[in-house]
PDB file of all heavy atoms in Angstrom:
ATOM      1  N   ALA A   1      15.195  24.454  -6.066  1.00  0.00           N
ATOM      2  CA  ALA A   1      16.407  25.054  -5.502  1.00  0.00           C
ATOM      3  C   ALA A   1      17.204  25.776  -6.579  1.00  0.00           C
ATOM      4  O   ALA A   1      17.031  25.531  -7.778  1.00  0.00           O
ATOM      5  CB  ALA A   1      17.277  23.969  -4.857  1.00  0.00           C
ATOM      6  N   ARG A   2      18.068  26.661  -6.142  1.00  0.00           N
ATOM      7  CA  ARG A   2      18.942  27.369  -7.080  1.00  0.00           C
ATOM      8  C   ARG A   2      19.847  26.359  -7.785  1.00  0.00           C
ATOM      9  O   ARG A   2      20.404  25.463  -7.154  1.00  0.00           O
ATOM     10  CB  ARG A   2      19.800  28.391  -6.331  1.00  0.00           C
ATOM     11  CG  ARG A   2      20.765  29.151  -7.242  1.00  0.00           C
ATOM     12  CD  ARG A   2      21.717  30.018  -6.465  1.00  0.00           C
ATOM     13  NE  ARG A   2      22.715  30.622  -7.340  1.00  0.00           N
ATOM     14  CZ  ARG A   2      23.801  31.252  -6.922  1.00  0.00           C
ATOM     15  NH1 ARG A   2      24.043  31.361  -5.625  1.00  0.00           N
ATOM     16  NH2 ARG A   2      24.657  31.756  -7.788  1.00  0.00           N
ATOM     17  N   ASP A   3      19.970  26.509  -9.087  1.00  0.00           N
ATOM     18  CA  ASP A   3      20.797  25.610  -9.886  1.00  0.00           C
ATOM     19  C   ASP A   3      22.227  26.147  -9.943  1.00  0.00           C
ATOM     20  O   ASP A   3      22.503  27.124 -10.638  1.00  0.00           O
ATOM     21  CB  ASP A   3      20.213  25.495 -11.297  1.00  0.00           C
ATOM     22  CG  ASP A   3      20.937  24.467 -12.151  1.00  0.00           C
ATOM     23  OD1 ASP A   3      21.947  23.889 -11.685  1.00  0.00           O
ATOM     24  OD2 ASP A   3      20.491  24.234 -13.287  1.00  0.00           O
ATOM     25  N   ARG A   4      23.128  25.492  -9.218  1.00  0.00           N
ATOM     26  CA  ARG A   4      24.526  25.912  -9.203  1.00  0.00           C
ATOM     27  C   ARG A   4      25.368  25.146 -10.236  1.00  0.00           C
ATOM     28  O   ARG A   4      26.575  25.353 -10.338  1.00  0.00           O
ATOM     29  CB  ARG A   4      25.111  25.711  -7.796  1.00  0.00           C
ATOM     30  CG  ARG A   4      24.385  26.538  -6.728  1.00  0.00           C
ATOM     31  CD  ARG A   4      24.963  26.290  -5.341  1.00  0.00           C
ATOM     32  NE  ARG A   4      26.360  26.654  -5.279  1.00  0.00           N
ATOM     33  CZ  ARG A   4      26.815  27.885  -5.035  1.00  0.00           C
ATOM     34  NH1 ARG A   4      25.963  28.878  -4.833  1.00  0.00           N
ATOM     35  NH2 ARG A   4      28.110  28.138  -4.982  1.00  0.00           N
ATOM     36  N   GLY A   5      24.706  24.264 -10.970  1.00  0.00           N
ATOM     37  CA  GLY A   5      25.361  23.607 -12.085  1.00  0.00           C
ATOM     38  C   GLY A   5      26.328  22.493 -11.698  1.00  0.00           C
ATOM     39  O   GLY A   5      26.314  21.967 -10.591  1.00  0.00           O
ATOM     40  N   ILE A   6      27.187  22.168 -12.644  1.00  0.00           N
ATOM     41  CA  ILE A   6      28.180  21.114 -12.470  1.00  0.00           C
ATOM     42  C   ILE A   6      29.561  21.749 -12.430  1.00  0.00           C
ATOM     43  O   ILE A   6      29.857  22.648 -13.216  1.00  0.00           O
ATOM     44  CB  ILE A   6      28.110  20.101 -13.627  1.00  0.00           C
ATOM     45  CG1 ILE A   6      26.722  19.463 -13.683  1.00  0.00           C
ATOM     46  CG2 ILE A   6      29.185  19.025 -13.486  1.00  0.00           C
ATOM     47  CD1 ILE A   6      26.496  18.600 -14.902  1.00  0.00           C
ATOM     48  N   ARG A   7      30.386  21.285 -11.518  1.00  0.00           N
ATOM     49  CA  ARG A   7      31.747  21.803 -11.464  1.00  0.00           C
ATOM     50  C   ARG A   7      32.727  20.653 -11.241  1.00  0.00           C
ATOM     51  O   ARG A   7      32.357  19.565 -10.837  1.00  0.00           O
ATOM     52  CB  ARG A   7      31.904  22.863 -10.386  1.00  0.00           C
ATOM     53  CG  ARG A   7      31.729  22.391  -8.953  1.00  0.00           C
ATOM     54  CD  ARG A   7      31.867  23.566  -7.988  1.00  0.00           C
ATOM     55  NE  ARG A   7      31.664  23.192  -6.609  1.00  0.00           N
ATOM     56  CZ  ARG A   7      32.634  22.741  -5.807  1.00  0.00           C
ATOM     57  NH1 ARG A   7      33.871  22.579  -6.282  1.00  0.00           N
ATOM     58  NH2 ARG A   7      32.376  22.439  -4.547  1.00  0.00           N
ATOM     59  N   TYR A   8      33.983  20.964 -11.543  1.00  0.00           N
ATOM     60  CA  TYR A   8      35.039  19.969 -11.419  1.00  0.00           C
ATOM     61  C   TYR A   8      35.889  20.202 -10.183  1.00  0.00           C
ATOM     62  O   TYR A   8      36.087  21.346  -9.749  1.00  0.00           O
ATOM     63  CB  TYR A   8      35.938  20.004 -12.655  1.00  0.00           C
ATOM     64  CG  TYR A   8      35.360  19.295 -13.855  1.00  0.00           C
ATOM     65  CD1 TYR A   8      34.801  20.022 -14.911  1.00  0.00           C
ATOM     66  CD2 TYR A   8      35.385  17.908 -13.939  1.00  0.00           C
ATOM     67  CE1 TYR A   8      34.274  19.368 -16.018  1.00  0.00           C
ATOM     68  CE2 TYR A   8      34.871  17.250 -15.048  1.00  0.00           C
ATOM     69  CZ  TYR A   8      34.319  17.981 -16.077  1.00  0.00           C
ATOM     70  OH  TYR A   8      33.806  17.331 -17.168  1.00  0.00           O
ATOM     71  N   GLN A   9      36.360  19.098  -9.626  1.00  0.00           N
ATOM     72  CA  GLN A   9      37.207  19.135  -8.435  1.00  0.00           C
ATOM     73  C   GLN A   9      37.977  17.815  -8.391  1.00  0.00           C
ATOM     74  O   GLN A   9      37.538  16.806  -8.947  1.00  0.00           O
ATOM     75  CB  GLN A   9      36.325  19.278  -7.187  1.00  0.00           C
ATOM     76  CG  GLN A   9      37.053  19.407  -5.881  1.00  0.00           C
ATOM     77  CD  GLN A   9      36.078  19.600  -4.726  1.00  0.00           C
ATOM     78  OE1 GLN A   9      35.114  20.384  -4.838  1.00  0.00           O
ATOM     79  NE2 GLN A   9      36.278  18.887  -3.636  1.00  0.00           N
ATOM     80  N   ARG A  10      39.118  17.797  -7.756  1.00  0.00           N
ATOM     81  CA  ARG A  10      39.864  16.552  -7.609  1.00  0.00           C
ATOM     82  C   ARG A  10      39.173  15.699  -6.550  1.00  0.00           C
ATOM     83  O   ARG A  10      39.077  16.079  -5.386  1.00  0.00           O
ATOM     84  CB  ARG A  10      41.312  16.826  -7.213  1.00  0.00           C
ATOM     85  CG  ARG A  10      42.196  15.566  -7.162  1.00  0.00           C
ATOM     86  CD  ARG A  10      43.651  15.953  -6.908  1.00  0.00           C
ATOM     87  NE  ARG A  10      44.503  14.808  -6.674  1.00  0.00           N
ATOM     88  CZ  ARG A  10      45.039  14.056  -7.630  1.00  0.00           C
ATOM     89  NH1 ARG A  10      44.799  14.343  -8.897  1.00  0.00           N
ATOM     90  NH2 ARG A  10      45.823  13.036  -7.333  1.00  0.00           N
ATOM     91  N   LEU A  11      38.695  14.517  -6.954  1.00  0.00           N
ATOM     92  CA  LEU A  11      37.913  13.665  -6.073  1.00  0.00           C
ATOM     93  C   LEU A  11      38.473  12.245  -6.039  1.00  0.00           C
ATOM     94  O   LEU A  11      39.194  11.820  -6.950  1.00  0.00           O
ATOM     95  CB  LEU A  11      36.460  13.597  -6.552  1.00  0.00           C
ATOM     96  CG  LEU A  11      35.672  14.914  -6.613  1.00  0.00           C
ATOM     97  CD1 LEU A  11      34.333  14.664  -7.287  1.00  0.00           C
ATOM     98  CD2 LEU A  11      35.476  15.490  -5.223  1.00  0.00           C
ATOM     99  N   TYR A  12      38.086  11.514  -5.029  1.00  0.00           N
ATOM    100  CA  TYR A  12      38.489  10.116  -4.919  1.00  0.00           C
ATOM    101  C   TYR A  12      37.881   9.244  -6.001  1.00  0.00           C
ATOM    102  O   TYR A  12      38.358   8.135  -6.274  1.00  0.00           O
ATOM    103  CB  TYR A  12      38.121   9.558  -3.538  1.00  0.00           C
ATOM    104  CG  TYR A  12      36.637   9.409  -3.277  1.00  0.00           C
ATOM    105  CD1 TYR A  12      35.990   8.190  -3.467  1.00  0.00           C
ATOM    106  CD2 TYR A  12      35.877  10.488  -2.834  1.00  0.00           C
ATOM    107  CE1 TYR A  12      34.628   8.046  -3.229  1.00  0.00           C
ATOM    108  CE2 TYR A  12      34.523  10.353  -2.594  1.00  0.00           C
ATOM    109  CZ  TYR A  12      33.906   9.138  -2.785  1.00  0.00           C
ATOM    110  OH  TYR A  12      32.553   9.004  -2.553  1.00  0.00           O
ATOM    111  N   THR A  13      36.836   9.730  -6.657  1.00  0.00           N
ATOM    112  CA  THR A  13      36.180   8.943  -7.704  1.00  0.00           C
ATOM    113  C   THR A  13      37.070   8.775  -8.929  1.00  0.00           C
ATOM    114  O   THR A  13      36.717   8.013  -9.847  1.00  0.00           O
ATOM    115  CB  THR A  13      34.854   9.604  -8.125  1.00  0.00           C
ATOM    116  OG1 THR A  13      35.089  10.978  -8.452  1.00  0.00           O
ATOM    117  CG2 THR A  13      33.835   9.525  -6.991  1.00  0.00           C
ATOM    118  N   ARG A  14      38.222   9.428  -8.941  1.00  0.00           N
ATOM    119  CA  ARG A  14      39.162   9.220 -10.047  1.00  0.00           C
ATOM    120  C   ARG A  14      39.727   7.803 -10.050  1.00  0.00           C
ATOM    121  O   ARG A  14      40.311   7.359 -11.046  1.00  0.00           O
ATOM    122  CB  ARG A  14      40.304  10.236  -9.975  1.00  0.00           C
ATOM    123  CG  ARG A  14      41.223  10.096  -8.771  1.00  0.00           C
ATOM    124  CD  ARG A  14      42.233  11.246  -8.738  1.00  0.00           C
ATOM    125  NE  ARG A  14      43.144  11.175  -7.593  1.00  0.00           N
ATOM    126  CZ  ARG A  14      42.861  11.643  -6.395  1.00  0.00           C
ATOM    127  NH1 ARG A  14      41.677  12.211  -6.166  1.00  0.00           N
ATOM    128  NH2 ARG A  14      43.735  11.569  -5.406  1.00  0.00           N
ATOM    129  N   TYR A  15      39.529   7.088  -8.953  1.00  0.00           N
ATOM    130  CA  TYR A  15      40.082   5.741  -8.837  1.00  0.00           C
ATOM    131  C   TYR A  15      39.127   4.646  -9.301  1.00  0.00           C
ATOM    132  O   TYR A  15      39.369   3.472  -9.067  1.00  0.00           O
ATOM    133  CB  TYR A  15      40.490   5.471  -7.385  1.00  0.00           C
ATOM    134  CG  TYR A  15      41.651   6.336  -6.922  1.00  0.00           C
ATOM    135  CD1 TYR A  15      41.470   7.293  -5.926  1.00  0.00           C
ATOM    136  CD2 TYR A  15      42.915   6.198  -7.485  1.00  0.00           C
ATOM    137  CE1 TYR A  15      42.531   8.090  -5.504  1.00  0.00           C
ATOM    138  CE2 TYR A  15      43.980   6.996  -7.070  1.00  0.00           C
ATOM    139  CZ  TYR A  15      43.777   7.937  -6.085  1.00  0.00           C
ATOM    140  OH  TYR A  15      44.829   8.726  -5.668  1.00  0.00           O
ATOM    141  N   THR A  16      38.042   5.039  -9.939  1.00  0.00           N
ATOM    142  CA  THR A  16      37.125   4.035 -10.486  1.00  0.00           C
ATOM    143  C   THR A  16      36.712   4.421 -11.896  1.00  0.00           C
ATOM    144  O   THR A  16      36.657   5.610 -12.237  1.00  0.00           O
ATOM    145  CB  THR A  16      35.864   3.869  -9.611  1.00  0.00           C
ATOM    146  OG1 THR A  16      35.046   2.827 -10.153  1.00  0.00           O
ATOM    147  CG2 THR A  16      35.051   5.153  -9.557  1.00  0.00           C
ATOM    148  N   ALA A  17      36.420   3.401 -12.704  1.00  0.00           N
ATOM    149  CA  ALA A  17      35.936   3.650 -14.058  1.00  0.00           C
ATOM    150  C   ALA A  17      34.417   3.764 -14.100  1.00  0.00           C
ATOM    151  O   ALA A  17      33.843   4.124 -15.124  1.00  0.00           O
ATOM    152  CB  ALA A  17      36.392   2.528 -14.981  1.00  0.00           C
ATOM    153  N   VAL A  18      33.760   3.471 -12.978  1.00  0.00           N
ATOM    154  CA  VAL A  18      32.299   3.563 -12.912  1.00  0.00           C
ATOM    155  C   VAL A  18      31.884   5.030 -13.049  1.00  0.00           C
ATOM    156  O   VAL A  18      32.463   5.898 -12.383  1.00  0.00           O
ATOM    157  CB  VAL A  18      31.779   2.994 -11.565  1.00  0.00           C
ATOM    158  CG1 VAL A  18      30.264   3.167 -11.469  1.00  0.00           C
ATOM    159  CG2 VAL A  18      32.154   1.528 -11.430  1.00  0.00           C
ATOM    160  N   PRO A  19      30.926   5.359 -13.889  1.00  0.00           N
ATOM    161  CA  PRO A  19      30.423   6.730 -13.961  1.00  0.00           C
ATOM    162  C   PRO A  19      30.032   7.213 -12.564  1.00  0.00           C
ATOM    163  O   PRO A  19      29.244   6.549 -11.880  1.00  0.00           O
ATOM    164  CB  PRO A  19      29.213   6.626 -14.897  1.00  0.00           C
ATOM    165  CG  PRO A  19      29.538   5.456 -15.769  1.00  0.00           C
ATOM    166  CD  PRO A  19      30.238   4.478 -14.861  1.00  0.00           C
ATOM    167  N   ALA A  20      30.595   8.332 -12.138  1.00  0.00           N
ATOM    168  CA  ALA A  20      30.424   8.745 -10.738  1.00  0.00           C
ATOM    169  C   ALA A  20      30.267  10.251 -10.608  1.00  0.00           C
ATOM    170  O   ALA A  20      30.870  11.026 -11.362  1.00  0.00           O
ATOM    171  CB  ALA A  20      31.623   8.276  -9.918  1.00  0.00           C
ATOM    172  N   ALA A  21      29.455  10.652  -9.625  1.00  0.00           N
ATOM    173  CA  ALA A  21      29.242  12.072  -9.337  1.00  0.00           C
ATOM    174  C   ALA A  21      28.886  12.260  -7.873  1.00  0.00           C
ATOM    175  O   ALA A  21      28.293  11.371  -7.254  1.00  0.00           O
ATOM    176  CB  ALA A  21      28.127  12.632 -10.220  1.00  0.00           C
ATOM    177  N   LEU A  22      29.273  13.401  -7.323  1.00  0.00           N
ATOM    178  CA  LEU A  22      28.891  13.792  -5.969  1.00  0.00           C
ATOM    179  C   LEU A  22      27.815  14.865  -6.088  1.00  0.00           C
ATOM    180  O   LEU A  22      28.009  15.878  -6.780  1.00  0.00           O
ATOM    181  CB  LEU A  22      30.086  14.346  -5.189  1.00  0.00           C
ATOM    182  CG  LEU A  22      30.964  13.339  -4.435  1.00  0.00           C
ATOM    183  CD1 LEU A  22      31.667  12.412  -5.425  1.00  0.00           C
ATOM    184  CD2 LEU A  22      31.995  14.075  -3.585  1.00  0.00           C
ATOM    185  N   VAL A  23      26.700  14.653  -5.415  1.00  0.00           N
ATOM    186  CA  VAL A  23      25.596  15.608  -5.476  1.00  0.00           C
ATOM    187  C   VAL A  23      25.503  16.355  -4.150  1.00  0.00           C
ATOM    188  O   VAL A  23      25.232  15.767  -3.106  1.00  0.00           O
ATOM    189  CB  VAL A  23      24.259  14.904  -5.772  1.00  0.00           C
ATOM    190  CG1 VAL A  23      23.139  15.929  -5.865  1.00  0.00           C
ATOM    191  CG2 VAL A  23      24.353  14.104  -7.061  1.00  0.00           C
ATOM    192  N   GLU A  24      25.765  17.649  -4.201  1.00  0.00           N
ATOM    193  CA  GLU A  24      25.640  18.519  -3.029  1.00  0.00           C
ATOM    194  C   GLU A  24      24.214  19.053  -3.030  1.00  0.00           C
ATOM    195  O   GLU A  24      23.867  19.940  -3.812  1.00  0.00           O
ATOM    196  CB  GLU A  24      26.650  19.659  -3.097  1.00  0.00           C
ATOM    197  CG  GLU A  24      28.108  19.220  -3.117  1.00  0.00           C
ATOM    198  CD  GLU A  24      28.668  18.956  -1.721  1.00  0.00           C
ATOM    199  OE1 GLU A  24      27.900  19.083  -0.740  1.00  0.00           O
ATOM    200  OE2 GLU A  24      29.871  18.652  -1.614  1.00  0.00           O
ATOM    201  N   VAL A  25      23.375  18.507  -2.151  1.00  0.00           N
ATOM    202  CA  VAL A  25      21.933  18.736  -2.244  1.00  0.00           C
ATOM    203  C   VAL A  25      21.453  20.049  -1.624  1.00  0.00           C
ATOM    204  O   VAL A  25      20.269  20.379  -1.728  1.00  0.00           O
ATOM    205  CB  VAL A  25      21.166  17.563  -1.609  1.00  0.00           C
ATOM    206  CG1 VAL A  25      21.441  16.271  -2.371  1.00  0.00           C
ATOM    207  CG2 VAL A  25      21.528  17.387  -0.132  1.00  0.00           C
ATOM    208  N   GLY A  26      22.338  20.790  -0.977  1.00  0.00           N
ATOM    209  CA  GLY A  26      21.945  22.052  -0.371  1.00  0.00           C
ATOM    210  C   GLY A  26      22.946  22.477   0.684  1.00  0.00           C
ATOM    211  O   GLY A  26      23.859  21.719   1.035  1.00  0.00           O
ATOM    212  N   PHE A  27      22.769  23.698   1.210  1.00  0.00           N
ATOM    213  CA  PHE A  27      23.708  24.266   2.173  1.00  0.00           C
ATOM    214  C   PHE A  27      23.138  24.241   3.591  1.00  0.00           C
ATOM    215  O   PHE A  27      22.128  24.886   3.882  1.00  0.00           O
ATOM    216  CB  PHE A  27      24.047  25.702   1.780  1.00  0.00           C
ATOM    217  CG  PHE A  27      25.004  25.805   0.628  1.00  0.00           C
ATOM    218  CD1 PHE A  27      24.567  25.601  -0.679  1.00  0.00           C
ATOM    219  CD2 PHE A  27      26.352  26.081   0.841  1.00  0.00           C
ATOM    220  CE1 PHE A  27      25.449  25.684  -1.745  1.00  0.00           C
ATOM    221  CE2 PHE A  27      27.242  26.171  -0.220  1.00  0.00           C
ATOM    222  CZ  PHE A  27      26.792  25.968  -1.516  1.00  0.00           C
ATOM    223  N   LEU A  28      23.823  23.516   4.455  1.00  0.00           N
ATOM    224  CA  LEU A  28      23.420  23.486   5.863  1.00  0.00           C
ATOM    225  C   LEU A  28      23.639  24.835   6.535  1.00  0.00           C
ATOM    226  O   LEU A  28      23.028  25.130   7.559  1.00  0.00           O
ATOM    227  CB  LEU A  28      24.204  22.405   6.608  1.00  0.00           C
ATOM    228  CG  LEU A  28      23.866  20.955   6.240  1.00  0.00           C
ATOM    229  CD1 LEU A  28      24.791  20.002   6.994  1.00  0.00           C
ATOM    230  CD2 LEU A  28      22.416  20.632   6.559  1.00  0.00           C
TER     231      LEU A  28
END
């Protein structure tokens, strides 16, 4: 798939210290 890289956004994962990421696997 096309590599769209990593980007930043304000997410709910800011409330945990656990290493966290959201993976958008493709476009519906």
